[in-house]
Amino acid sequence: MVTFFYCYRTCTGFLYFLDVYSEPDVSCDHLREHLRHNLLNLQRLFPDEDGILTLAFDLHIQRNLIETSLDGFGVRDVLPGQEQFQVLYERVRKKTMK
């Protein structure tokens, strides 16, 4: 599993963009540890500030696992009207014939 983040402060709060990628069958504990690390980083960078956390993840991670994990850390507010499923880019390797 690998996570990437990009963040910055705005005049009304912070924006923290988090991308999560994994191999199939990632463990719940591994995912939670990555999320915990990023949430601690967010708190360190923007202590006591309001802001927006955006999270993108690949098809190997179930949405409900992300939501349950974030809920365990006290992140419960999801903006209404968000996409339930969106594929921006998917690459499928074709097997070469011999």
PDB file of N, CA and C in Angstrom:
ATOM      1  N   MET A   1       0.839  -1.170   0.000  1.00  0.00           N
ATOM      2  CA  MET A   1       0.000   0.000   0.000  1.00  0.00           C
ATOM      3  C   MET A   1       0.883   1.231   0.000  1.00  0.00           C
ATOM      4  N   VAL A   2       0.421   2.247  -0.699  1.00  0.00           N
ATOM      5  CA  VAL A   2       1.137   3.512  -0.732  1.00  0.00           C
ATOM      6  C   VAL A   2       0.103   4.639  -0.701  1.00  0.00           C
ATOM      7  N   THR A   3       0.450   5.709   0.002  1.00  0.00           N
ATOM      8  CA  THR A   3      -0.415   6.889   0.043  1.00  0.00           C
ATOM      9  C   THR A   3       0.397   8.113  -0.340  1.00  0.00           C
ATOM     10  N   PHE A   4      -0.249   9.018  -1.042  1.00  0.00           N
ATOM     11  CA  PHE A   4       0.358  10.291  -1.426  1.00  0.00           C
ATOM     12  C   PHE A   4      -0.555  11.406  -0.944  1.00  0.00           C
ATOM     13  N   PHE A   5       0.038  12.509  -0.515  1.00  0.00           N
ATOM     14  CA  PHE A   5      -0.791  13.632  -0.116  1.00  0.00           C
ATOM     15  C   PHE A   5      -0.217  14.926  -0.660  1.00  0.00           C
ATOM     16  N   TYR A   6      -1.107  15.887  -0.795  1.00  0.00           N
ATOM     17  CA  TYR A   6      -0.746  17.253  -1.172  1.00  0.00           C
ATOM     18  C   TYR A   6      -1.687  18.143  -0.381  1.00  0.00           C
ATOM     19  N   CYS A   7      -1.159  19.173   0.245  1.00  0.00           N
ATOM     20  CA  CYS A   7      -2.020  20.017   1.058  1.00  0.00           C
ATOM     21  C   CYS A   7      -1.571  21.466   0.991  1.00  0.00           C
ATOM     22  N   TYR A   8      -2.498  22.354   1.304  1.00  0.00           N
ATOM     23  CA  TYR A   8      -2.165  23.768   1.401  1.00  0.00           C
ATOM     24  C   TYR A   8      -3.247  24.489   2.200  1.00  0.00           C
ATOM     25  N   ARG A   9      -2.889  25.627   2.705  1.00  0.00           N
ATOM     26  CA  ARG A   9      -3.784  26.474   3.488  1.00  0.00           C
ATOM     27  C   ARG A   9      -4.491  27.449   2.546  1.00  0.00           C
ATOM     28  N   THR A  10      -5.766  27.696   2.811  1.00  0.00           N
ATOM     29  CA  THR A  10      -6.527  28.685   2.062  1.00  0.00           C
ATOM     30  C   THR A  10      -7.016  29.750   3.038  1.00  0.00           C
ATOM     31  N   CYS A  11      -7.694  30.748   2.538  1.00  0.00           N
ATOM     32  CA  CYS A  11      -8.189  31.808   3.421  1.00  0.00           C
ATOM     33  C   CYS A  11      -9.330  31.322   4.314  1.00  0.00           C
ATOM     34  N   THR A  12      -9.958  30.195   3.982  1.00  0.00           N
ATOM     35  CA  THR A  12     -11.060  29.680   4.802  1.00  0.00           C
ATOM     36  C   THR A  12     -10.726  28.366   5.505  1.00  0.00           C
ATOM     37  N   GLY A  13      -9.522  27.875   5.381  1.00  0.00           N
ATOM     38  CA  GLY A  13      -9.136  26.608   6.006  1.00  0.00           C
ATOM     39  C   GLY A  13      -8.127  25.884   5.145  1.00  0.00           C
ATOM     40  N   PHE A  14      -7.926  24.613   5.432  1.00  0.00           N
ATOM     41  CA  PHE A  14      -6.944  23.851   4.671  1.00  0.00           C
ATOM     42  C   PHE A  14      -7.629  22.930   3.669  1.00  0.00           C
ATOM     43  N   LEU A  15      -6.859  22.509   2.676  1.00  0.00           N
ATOM     44  CA  LEU A  15      -7.240  21.438   1.760  1.00  0.00           C
ATOM     45  C   LEU A  15      -6.169  20.367   1.865  1.00  0.00           C
ATOM     46  N   TYR A  16      -6.579  19.134   2.076  1.00  0.00           N
ATOM     47  CA  TYR A  16      -5.650  18.010   2.206  1.00  0.00           C
ATOM     48  C   TYR A  16      -6.131  16.926   1.251  1.00  0.00           C
ATOM     49  N   PHE A  17      -5.385  16.708   0.194  1.00  0.00           N
ATOM     50  CA  PHE A  17      -5.720  15.708  -0.813  1.00  0.00           C
ATOM     51  C   PHE A  17      -4.934  14.430  -0.508  1.00  0.00           C
ATOM     52  N   LEU A  18      -5.635  13.322  -0.384  1.00  0.00           N
ATOM     53  CA  LEU A  18      -5.002  12.050  -0.050  1.00  0.00           C
ATOM     54  C   LEU A  18      -5.386  11.009  -1.092  1.00  0.00           C
ATOM     55  N   ASP A  19      -4.385  10.359  -1.676  1.00  0.00           N
ATOM     56  CA  ASP A  19      -4.591   9.259  -2.630  1.00  0.00           C
ATOM     57  C   ASP A  19      -4.061   7.986  -2.014  1.00  0.00           C
ATOM     58  N   VAL A  20      -4.866   6.916  -2.072  1.00  0.00           N
ATOM     59  CA  VAL A  20      -4.506   5.634  -1.476  1.00  0.00           C
ATOM     60  C   VAL A  20      -4.532   4.564  -2.565  1.00  0.00           C
ATOM     61  N   TYR A  21      -3.436   3.829  -2.680  1.00  0.00           N
ATOM     62  CA  TYR A  21      -3.322   2.749  -3.660  1.00  0.00           C
ATOM     63  C   TYR A  21      -2.854   1.485  -2.964  1.00  0.00           C
ATOM     64  N   SER A  22      -3.369   0.327  -3.394  1.00  0.00           N
ATOM     65  CA  SER A  22      -2.983  -0.915  -2.726  1.00  0.00           C
ATOM     66  C   SER A  22      -3.026  -2.094  -3.686  1.00  0.00           C
ATOM     67  N   GLU A  23      -2.432  -3.158  -3.223  1.00  0.00           N
ATOM     68  CA  GLU A  23      -2.571  -4.443  -3.893  1.00  0.00           C
ATOM     69  C   GLU A  23      -3.940  -5.013  -3.517  1.00  0.00           C
ATOM     70  N   PRO A  24      -4.429  -5.984  -4.258  1.00  0.00           N
ATOM     71  CA  PRO A  24      -5.693  -6.613  -3.859  1.00  0.00           C
ATOM     72  C   PRO A  24      -5.580  -7.242  -2.472  1.00  0.00           C
ATOM     73  N   ASP A  25      -6.684  -7.318  -1.782  1.00  0.00           N
ATOM     74  CA  ASP A  25      -6.780  -7.961  -0.464  1.00  0.00           C
ATOM     75  C   ASP A  25      -5.926  -7.284   0.598  1.00  0.00           C
ATOM     76  N   VAL A  26      -5.911  -5.962   0.601  1.00  0.00           N
ATOM     77  CA  VAL A  26      -5.183  -5.228   1.633  1.00  0.00           C
ATOM     78  C   VAL A  26      -5.864  -5.484   2.977  1.00  0.00           C
ATOM     79  N   SER A  27      -5.077  -5.579   4.031  1.00  0.00           N
ATOM     80  CA  SER A  27      -5.661  -5.816   5.348  1.00  0.00           C
ATOM     81  C   SER A  27      -6.255  -4.526   5.900  1.00  0.00           C
ATOM     82  N   CYS A  28      -7.289  -4.677   6.698  1.00  0.00           N
ATOM     83  CA  CYS A  28      -7.934  -3.508   7.325  1.00  0.00           C
ATOM     84  C   CYS A  28      -6.948  -2.768   8.212  1.00  0.00           C
ATOM     85  N   ASP A  29      -6.124  -3.500   8.932  1.00  0.00           N
ATOM     86  CA  ASP A  29      -5.155  -2.869   9.833  1.00  0.00           C
ATOM     87  C   ASP A  29      -4.137  -2.033   9.066  1.00  0.00           C
ATOM     88  N   HIS A  30      -3.714  -2.530   7.929  1.00  0.00           N
ATOM     89  CA  HIS A  30      -2.728  -1.806   7.120  1.00  0.00           C
ATOM     90  C   HIS A  30      -3.328  -0.493   6.603  1.00  0.00           C
ATOM     91  N   LEU A  31      -4.552  -0.566   6.126  1.00  0.00           N
ATOM     92  CA  LEU A  31      -5.241   0.630   5.648  1.00  0.00           C
ATOM     93  C   LEU A  31      -5.417   1.634   6.780  1.00  0.00           C
ATOM     94  N   ARG A  32      -5.862   1.167   7.933  1.00  0.00           N
ATOM     95  CA  ARG A  32      -6.077   2.075   9.071  1.00  0.00           C
ATOM     96  C   ARG A  32      -4.779   2.751   9.492  1.00  0.00           C
ATOM     97  N   GLU A  33      -3.680   2.042   9.441  1.00  0.00           N
ATOM     98  CA  GLU A  33      -2.400   2.637   9.819  1.00  0.00           C
ATOM     99  C   GLU A  33      -1.999   3.750   8.848  1.00  0.00           C
ATOM    100  N   HIS A  34      -2.220   3.551   7.569  1.00  0.00           N
ATOM    101  CA  HIS A  34      -1.930   4.605   6.588  1.00  0.00           C
ATOM    102  C   HIS A  34      -2.830   5.823   6.822  1.00  0.00           C
ATOM    103  N   LEU A  35      -4.110   5.583   7.055  1.00  0.00           N
ATOM    104  CA  LEU A  35      -5.025   6.690   7.313  1.00  0.00           C
ATOM    105  C   LEU A  35      -4.653   7.415   8.603  1.00  0.00           C
ATOM    106  N   ARG A  36      -4.315   6.656   9.649  1.00  0.00           N
ATOM    107  CA  ARG A  36      -3.917   7.257  10.927  1.00  0.00           C
ATOM    108  C   ARG A  36      -2.698   8.144  10.740  1.00  0.00           C
ATOM    109  N   HIS A  37      -1.711   7.656  10.013  1.00  0.00           N
ATOM    110  CA  HIS A  37      -0.489   8.423   9.762  1.00  0.00           C
ATOM    111  C   HIS A  37      -0.823   9.752   9.064  1.00  0.00           C
ATOM    112  N   ASN A  38      -1.683   9.700   8.062  1.00  0.00           N
ATOM    113  CA  ASN A  38      -2.037  10.917   7.337  1.00  0.00           C
ATOM    114  C   ASN A  38      -2.889  11.866   8.172  1.00  0.00           C
ATOM    115  N   LEU A  39      -3.775  11.350   8.994  1.00  0.00           N
ATOM    116  CA  LEU A  39      -4.575  12.222   9.850  1.00  0.00           C
ATOM    117  C   LEU A  39      -3.712  12.892  10.918  1.00  0.00           C
ATOM    118  N   LEU A  40      -2.732  12.179  11.444  1.00  0.00           N
ATOM    119  CA  LEU A  40      -1.793  12.795  12.387  1.00  0.00           C
ATOM    120  C   LEU A  40      -0.977  13.878  11.693  1.00  0.00           C
ATOM    121  N   ASN A  41      -0.568  13.619  10.465  1.00  0.00           N
ATOM    122  CA  ASN A  41       0.169  14.613   9.677  1.00  0.00           C
ATOM    123  C   ASN A  41      -0.694  15.849   9.430  1.00  0.00           C
ATOM    124  N   LEU A  42      -1.955  15.629   9.112  1.00  0.00           N
ATOM    125  CA  LEU A  42      -2.880  16.730   8.887  1.00  0.00           C
ATOM    126  C   LEU A  42      -3.009  17.576  10.158  1.00  0.00           C
ATOM    127  N   GLN A  43      -3.158  16.931  11.306  1.00  0.00           N
ATOM    128  CA  GLN A  43      -3.280  17.664  12.576  1.00  0.00           C
ATOM    129  C   GLN A  43      -1.999  18.419  12.917  1.00  0.00           C
ATOM    130  N   ARG A  44      -0.870  17.838  12.585  1.00  0.00           N
ATOM    131  CA  ARG A  44       0.404  18.501  12.850  1.00  0.00           C
ATOM    132  C   ARG A  44       0.570  19.750  11.981  1.00  0.00           C
ATOM    133  N   LEU A  45       0.183  19.638  10.713  1.00  0.00           N
ATOM    134  CA  LEU A  45       0.333  20.758   9.788  1.00  0.00           C
ATOM    135  C   LEU A  45      -0.693  21.867  10.021  1.00  0.00           C
ATOM    136  N   PHE A  46      -1.905  21.487  10.430  1.00  0.00           N
ATOM    137  CA  PHE A  46      -3.003  22.449  10.578  1.00  0.00           C
ATOM    138  C   PHE A  46      -3.689  22.264  11.931  1.00  0.00           C
ATOM    139  N   PRO A  47      -2.996  22.522  13.022  1.00  0.00           N
ATOM    140  CA  PRO A  47      -3.588  22.296  14.347  1.00  0.00           C
ATOM    141  C   PRO A  47      -4.792  23.212  14.586  1.00  0.00           C
ATOM    142  N   ASP A  48      -5.855  22.630  15.085  1.00  0.00           N
ATOM    143  CA  ASP A  48      -7.067  23.377  15.465  1.00  0.00           C
ATOM    144  C   ASP A  48      -7.656  24.203  14.327  1.00  0.00           C
ATOM    145  N   GLU A  49      -7.501  23.746  13.098  1.00  0.00           N
ATOM    146  CA  GLU A  49      -8.068  24.450  11.952  1.00  0.00           C
ATOM    147  C   GLU A  49      -9.125  23.576  11.287  1.00  0.00           C
ATOM    148  N   ASP A  50     -10.140  24.223  10.733  1.00  0.00           N
ATOM    149  CA  ASP A  50     -11.130  23.513   9.926  1.00  0.00           C
ATOM    150  C   ASP A  50     -10.611  23.411   8.505  1.00  0.00           C
ATOM    151  N   GLY A  51     -11.062  22.401   7.797  1.00  0.00           N
ATOM    152  CA  GLY A  51     -10.639  22.253   6.420  1.00  0.00           C
ATOM    153  C   GLY A  51     -11.349  21.102   5.749  1.00  0.00           C
ATOM    154  N   ILE A  52     -10.851  20.754   4.597  1.00  0.00           N
ATOM    155  CA  ILE A  52     -11.446  19.692   3.791  1.00  0.00           C
ATOM    156  C   ILE A  52     -10.397  18.629   3.500  1.00  0.00           C
ATOM    157  N   LEU A  53     -10.765  17.386   3.764  1.00  0.00           N
ATOM    158  CA  LEU A  53      -9.951  16.223   3.411  1.00  0.00           C
ATOM    159  C   LEU A  53     -10.623  15.562   2.222  1.00  0.00           C
ATOM    160  N   THR A  54      -9.908  15.490   1.100  1.00  0.00           N
ATOM    161  CA  THR A  54     -10.430  14.740  -0.049  1.00  0.00           C
ATOM    162  C   THR A  54      -9.635  13.448  -0.135  1.00  0.00           C
ATOM    163  N   LEU A  55     -10.312  12.380  -0.449  1.00  0.00           N
ATOM    164  CA  LEU A  55      -9.665  11.080  -0.462  1.00  0.00           C
ATOM    165  C   LEU A  55     -10.032  10.343  -1.742  1.00  0.00           C
ATOM    166  N   ALA A  56      -9.024   9.948  -2.481  1.00  0.00           N
ATOM    167  CA  ALA A  56      -9.215   9.121  -3.676  1.00  0.00           C
ATOM    168  C   ALA A  56      -8.544   7.780  -3.411  1.00  0.00           C
ATOM    169  N   PHE A  57      -9.168   6.711  -3.873  1.00  0.00           N
ATOM    170  CA  PHE A  57      -8.599   5.389  -3.643  1.00  0.00           C
ATOM    171  C   PHE A  57      -8.872   4.501  -4.846  1.00  0.00           C
ATOM    172  N   ASP A  58      -8.042   3.465  -4.969  1.00  0.00           N
ATOM    173  CA  ASP A  58      -8.166   2.605  -6.142  1.00  0.00           C
ATOM    174  C   ASP A  58      -9.250   1.550  -5.962  1.00  0.00           C
ATOM    175  N   LEU A  59      -9.462   0.763  -6.999  1.00  0.00           N
ATOM    176  CA  LEU A  59     -10.550  -0.213  -7.019  1.00  0.00           C
ATOM    177  C   LEU A  59     -10.330  -1.397  -6.088  1.00  0.00           C
ATOM    178  N   HIS A  60      -9.118  -1.547  -5.544  1.00  0.00           N
ATOM    179  CA  HIS A  60      -8.835  -2.667  -4.647  1.00  0.00           C
ATOM    180  C   HIS A  60      -9.316  -2.419  -3.226  1.00  0.00           C
ATOM    181  N   ILE A  61      -9.734  -1.206  -2.936  1.00  0.00           N
ATOM    182  CA  ILE A  61     -10.167  -0.853  -1.584  1.00  0.00           C
ATOM    183  C   ILE A  61     -11.659  -0.568  -1.609  1.00  0.00           C
ATOM    184  N   GLN A  62     -12.398  -1.203  -0.711  1.00  0.00           N
ATOM    185  CA  GLN A  62     -13.838  -0.997  -0.666  1.00  0.00           C
ATOM    186  C   GLN A  62     -14.165   0.328   0.014  1.00  0.00           C
ATOM    187  N   ARG A  63     -15.122   1.034  -0.555  1.00  0.00           N
ATOM    188  CA  ARG A  63     -15.519   2.343  -0.019  1.00  0.00           C
ATOM    189  C   ARG A  63     -15.944   2.242   1.446  1.00  0.00           C
ATOM    190  N   ASN A  64     -16.718   1.196   1.794  1.00  0.00           N
ATOM    191  CA  ASN A  64     -17.185   1.092   3.175  1.00  0.00           C
ATOM    192  C   ASN A  64     -16.030   0.866   4.148  1.00  0.00           C
ATOM    193  N   LEU A  65     -14.945   0.252   3.698  1.00  0.00           N
ATOM    194  CA  LEU A  65     -13.771   0.081   4.546  1.00  0.00           C
ATOM    195  C   LEU A  65     -13.117   1.435   4.830  1.00  0.00           C
ATOM    196  N   ILE A  66     -13.047   2.287   3.825  1.00  0.00           N
ATOM    197  CA  ILE A  66     -12.519   3.644   4.010  1.00  0.00           C
ATOM    198  C   ILE A  66     -13.405   4.406   4.992  1.00  0.00           C
ATOM    199  N   GLU A  67     -14.706   4.388   4.765  1.00  0.00           N
ATOM    200  CA  GLU A  67     -15.629   5.147   5.611  1.00  0.00           C
ATOM    201  C   GLU A  67     -15.609   4.648   7.050  1.00  0.00           C
ATOM    202  N   THR A  68     -15.585   3.330   7.247  1.00  0.00           N
ATOM    203  CA  THR A  68     -15.533   2.767   8.593  1.00  0.00           C
ATOM    204  C   THR A  68     -14.242   3.148   9.292  1.00  0.00           C
ATOM    205  N   SER A  69     -13.139   3.106   8.563  1.00  0.00           N
ATOM    206  CA  SER A  69     -11.844   3.462   9.141  1.00  0.00           C
ATOM    207  C   SER A  69     -11.811   4.929   9.545  1.00  0.00           C
ATOM    208  N   LEU A  70     -12.263   5.816   8.670  1.00  0.00           N
ATOM    209  CA  LEU A  70     -12.295   7.239   8.987  1.00  0.00           C
ATOM    210  C   LEU A  70     -13.242   7.517  10.154  1.00  0.00           C
ATOM    211  N   ASP A  71     -14.371   6.826  10.192  1.00  0.00           N
ATOM    212  CA  ASP A  71     -15.316   6.990  11.287  1.00  0.00           C
ATOM    213  C   ASP A  71     -14.662   6.633  12.622  1.00  0.00           C
ATOM    214  N   GLY A  72     -13.804   5.612  12.602  1.00  0.00           N
ATOM    215  CA  GLY A  72     -13.081   5.217  13.813  1.00  0.00           C
ATOM    216  C   GLY A  72     -12.128   6.284  14.311  1.00  0.00           C
ATOM    217  N   PHE A  73     -11.709   7.185  13.420  1.00  0.00           N
ATOM    218  CA  PHE A  73     -10.823   8.282  13.788  1.00  0.00           C
ATOM    219  C   PHE A  73     -11.600   9.582  14.041  1.00  0.00           C
ATOM    220  N   GLY A  74     -12.929   9.518  13.997  1.00  0.00           N
ATOM    221  CA  GLY A  74     -13.731  10.693  14.270  1.00  0.00           C
ATOM    222  C   GLY A  74     -14.037  11.547  13.054  1.00  0.00           C
ATOM    223  N   VAL A  75     -13.702  11.070  11.863  1.00  0.00           N
ATOM    224  CA  VAL A  75     -14.019  11.798  10.631  1.00  0.00           C
ATOM    225  C   VAL A  75     -15.330  11.222  10.116  1.00  0.00           C
ATOM    226  N   ARG A  76     -16.421  11.984  10.327  1.00  0.00           N
ATOM    227  CA  ARG A  76     -17.745  11.444  10.028  1.00  0.00           C
ATOM    228  C   ARG A  76     -18.515  12.228   8.984  1.00  0.00           C
ATOM    229  N   ASP A  77     -18.126  13.436   8.716  1.00  0.00           N
ATOM    230  CA  ASP A  77     -18.884  14.282   7.806  1.00  0.00           C
ATOM    231  C   ASP A  77     -18.493  14.017   6.367  1.00  0.00           C
ATOM    232  N   VAL A  78     -19.432  13.527   5.587  1.00  0.00           N
ATOM    233  CA  VAL A  78     -19.226  13.312   4.158  1.00  0.00           C
ATOM    234  C   VAL A  78     -20.125  14.296   3.433  1.00  0.00           C
ATOM    235  N   LEU A  79     -19.562  15.013   2.484  1.00  0.00           N
ATOM    236  CA  LEU A  79     -20.361  15.979   1.727  1.00  0.00           C
ATOM    237  C   LEU A  79     -21.401  15.247   0.888  1.00  0.00           C
ATOM    238  N   PRO A  80     -22.630  15.739   0.879  1.00  0.00           N
ATOM    239  CA  PRO A  80     -23.673  15.086   0.081  1.00  0.00           C
ATOM    240  C   PRO A  80     -23.402  15.243  -1.415  1.00  0.00           C
ATOM    241  N   GLY A  81     -23.905  14.269  -2.182  1.00  0.00           N
ATOM    242  CA  GLY A  81     -23.808  14.357  -3.633  1.00  0.00           C
ATOM    243  C   GLY A  81     -22.472  13.917  -4.204  1.00  0.00           C
ATOM    244  N   GLN A  82     -21.645  13.257  -3.418  1.00  0.00           N
ATOM    245  CA  GLN A  82     -20.350  12.813  -3.916  1.00  0.00           C
ATOM    246  C   GLN A  82     -20.518  11.577  -4.789  1.00  0.00           C
ATOM    247  N   GLU A  83     -19.590  11.416  -5.725  1.00  0.00           N
ATOM    248  CA  GLU A  83     -19.609  10.241  -6.603  1.00  0.00           C
ATOM    249  C   GLU A  83     -19.457   8.964  -5.770  1.00  0.00           C
ATOM    250  N   GLN A  84     -20.256   7.972  -6.095  1.00  0.00           N
ATOM    251  CA  GLN A  84     -20.127   6.688  -5.422  1.00  0.00           C
ATOM    252  C   GLN A  84     -19.038   5.840  -6.064  1.00  0.00           C
ATOM    253  N   PHE A  85     -18.848   6.012  -7.360  1.00  0.00           N
ATOM    254  CA  PHE A  85     -17.858   5.213  -8.075  1.00  0.00           C
ATOM    255  C   PHE A  85     -17.452   5.976  -9.316  1.00  0.00           C
ATOM    256  N   GLN A  86     -16.159   6.093  -9.510  1.00  0.00           N
ATOM    257  CA  GLN A  86     -15.688   6.817 -10.689  1.00  0.00           C
ATOM    258  C   GLN A  86     -14.336   6.249 -11.082  1.00  0.00           C
ATOM    259  N   VAL A  87     -14.194   5.889 -12.330  1.00  0.00           N
ATOM    260  CA  VAL A  87     -12.916   5.413 -12.839  1.00  0.00           C
ATOM    261  C   VAL A  87     -12.345   6.514 -13.731  1.00  0.00           C
ATOM    262  N   LEU A  88     -11.234   7.082 -13.298  1.00  0.00           N
ATOM    263  CA  LEU A  88     -10.609   8.125 -14.096  1.00  0.00           C
ATOM    264  C   LEU A  88      -9.651   7.528 -15.118  1.00  0.00           C
ATOM    265  N   TYR A  89      -8.975   6.461 -14.738  1.00  0.00           N
ATOM    266  CA  TYR A  89      -8.019   5.813 -15.631  1.00  0.00           C
ATOM    267  C   TYR A  89      -7.798   4.401 -15.131  1.00  0.00           C
ATOM    268  N   GLU A  90      -7.870   3.458 -16.042  1.00  0.00           N
ATOM    269  CA  GLU A  90      -7.602   2.085 -15.668  1.00  0.00           C
ATOM    270  C   GLU A  90      -6.778   1.453 -16.779  1.00  0.00           C
ATOM    271  N   ARG A  91      -5.721   0.800 -16.395  1.00  0.00           N
ATOM    272  CA  ARG A  91      -4.855   0.149 -17.379  1.00  0.00           C
ATOM    273  C   ARG A  91      -4.957  -1.351 -17.175  1.00  0.00           C
ATOM    274  N   VAL A  92      -5.191  -2.044 -18.250  1.00  0.00           N
ATOM    275  CA  VAL A  92      -5.256  -3.498 -18.213  1.00  0.00           C
ATOM    276  C   VAL A  92      -4.147  -4.023 -19.100  1.00  0.00           C
ATOM    277  N   ARG A  93      -3.297  -4.827 -18.507  1.00  0.00           N
ATOM    278  CA  ARG A  93      -2.198  -5.410 -19.308  1.00  0.00           C
ATOM    279  C   ARG A  93      -2.700  -6.598 -20.090  1.00  0.00           C
ATOM    280  N   LYS A  94      -2.374  -6.615 -21.346  1.00  0.00           N
ATOM    281  CA  LYS A  94      -2.767  -7.735 -22.188  1.00  0.00           C
ATOM    282  C   LYS A  94      -1.634  -8.773 -22.183  1.00  0.00           C
ATOM    283  N   LYS A  95      -2.014 -10.000 -22.083  1.00  0.00           N
ATOM    284  CA  LYS A  95      -1.007 -11.075 -22.117  1.00  0.00           C
ATOM    285  C   LYS A  95      -0.540 -11.247 -23.548  1.00  0.00           C
ATOM    286  N   THR A  96       0.757 -11.372 -23.688  1.00  0.00           N
ATOM    287  CA  THR A  96       1.309 -11.566 -25.033  1.00  0.00           C
ATOM    288  C   THR A  96       1.176 -13.029 -25.414  1.00  0.00           C
ATOM    289  N   MET A  97       0.920 -13.264 -26.654  1.00  0.00           N
ATOM    290  CA  MET A  97       0.778 -14.628 -27.126  1.00  0.00           C
ATOM    291  C   MET A  97       2.143 -15.164 -27.535  1.00  0.00           C
ATOM    292  N   LYS A  98       2.373 -16.404 -27.247  1.00  0.00           N
ATOM    293  CA  LYS A  98       3.637 -17.045 -27.605  1.00  0.00           C
ATOM    294  C   LYS A  98       3.442 -18.050 -28.687  1.00  0.00           C
TER     295      LYS A  98
END
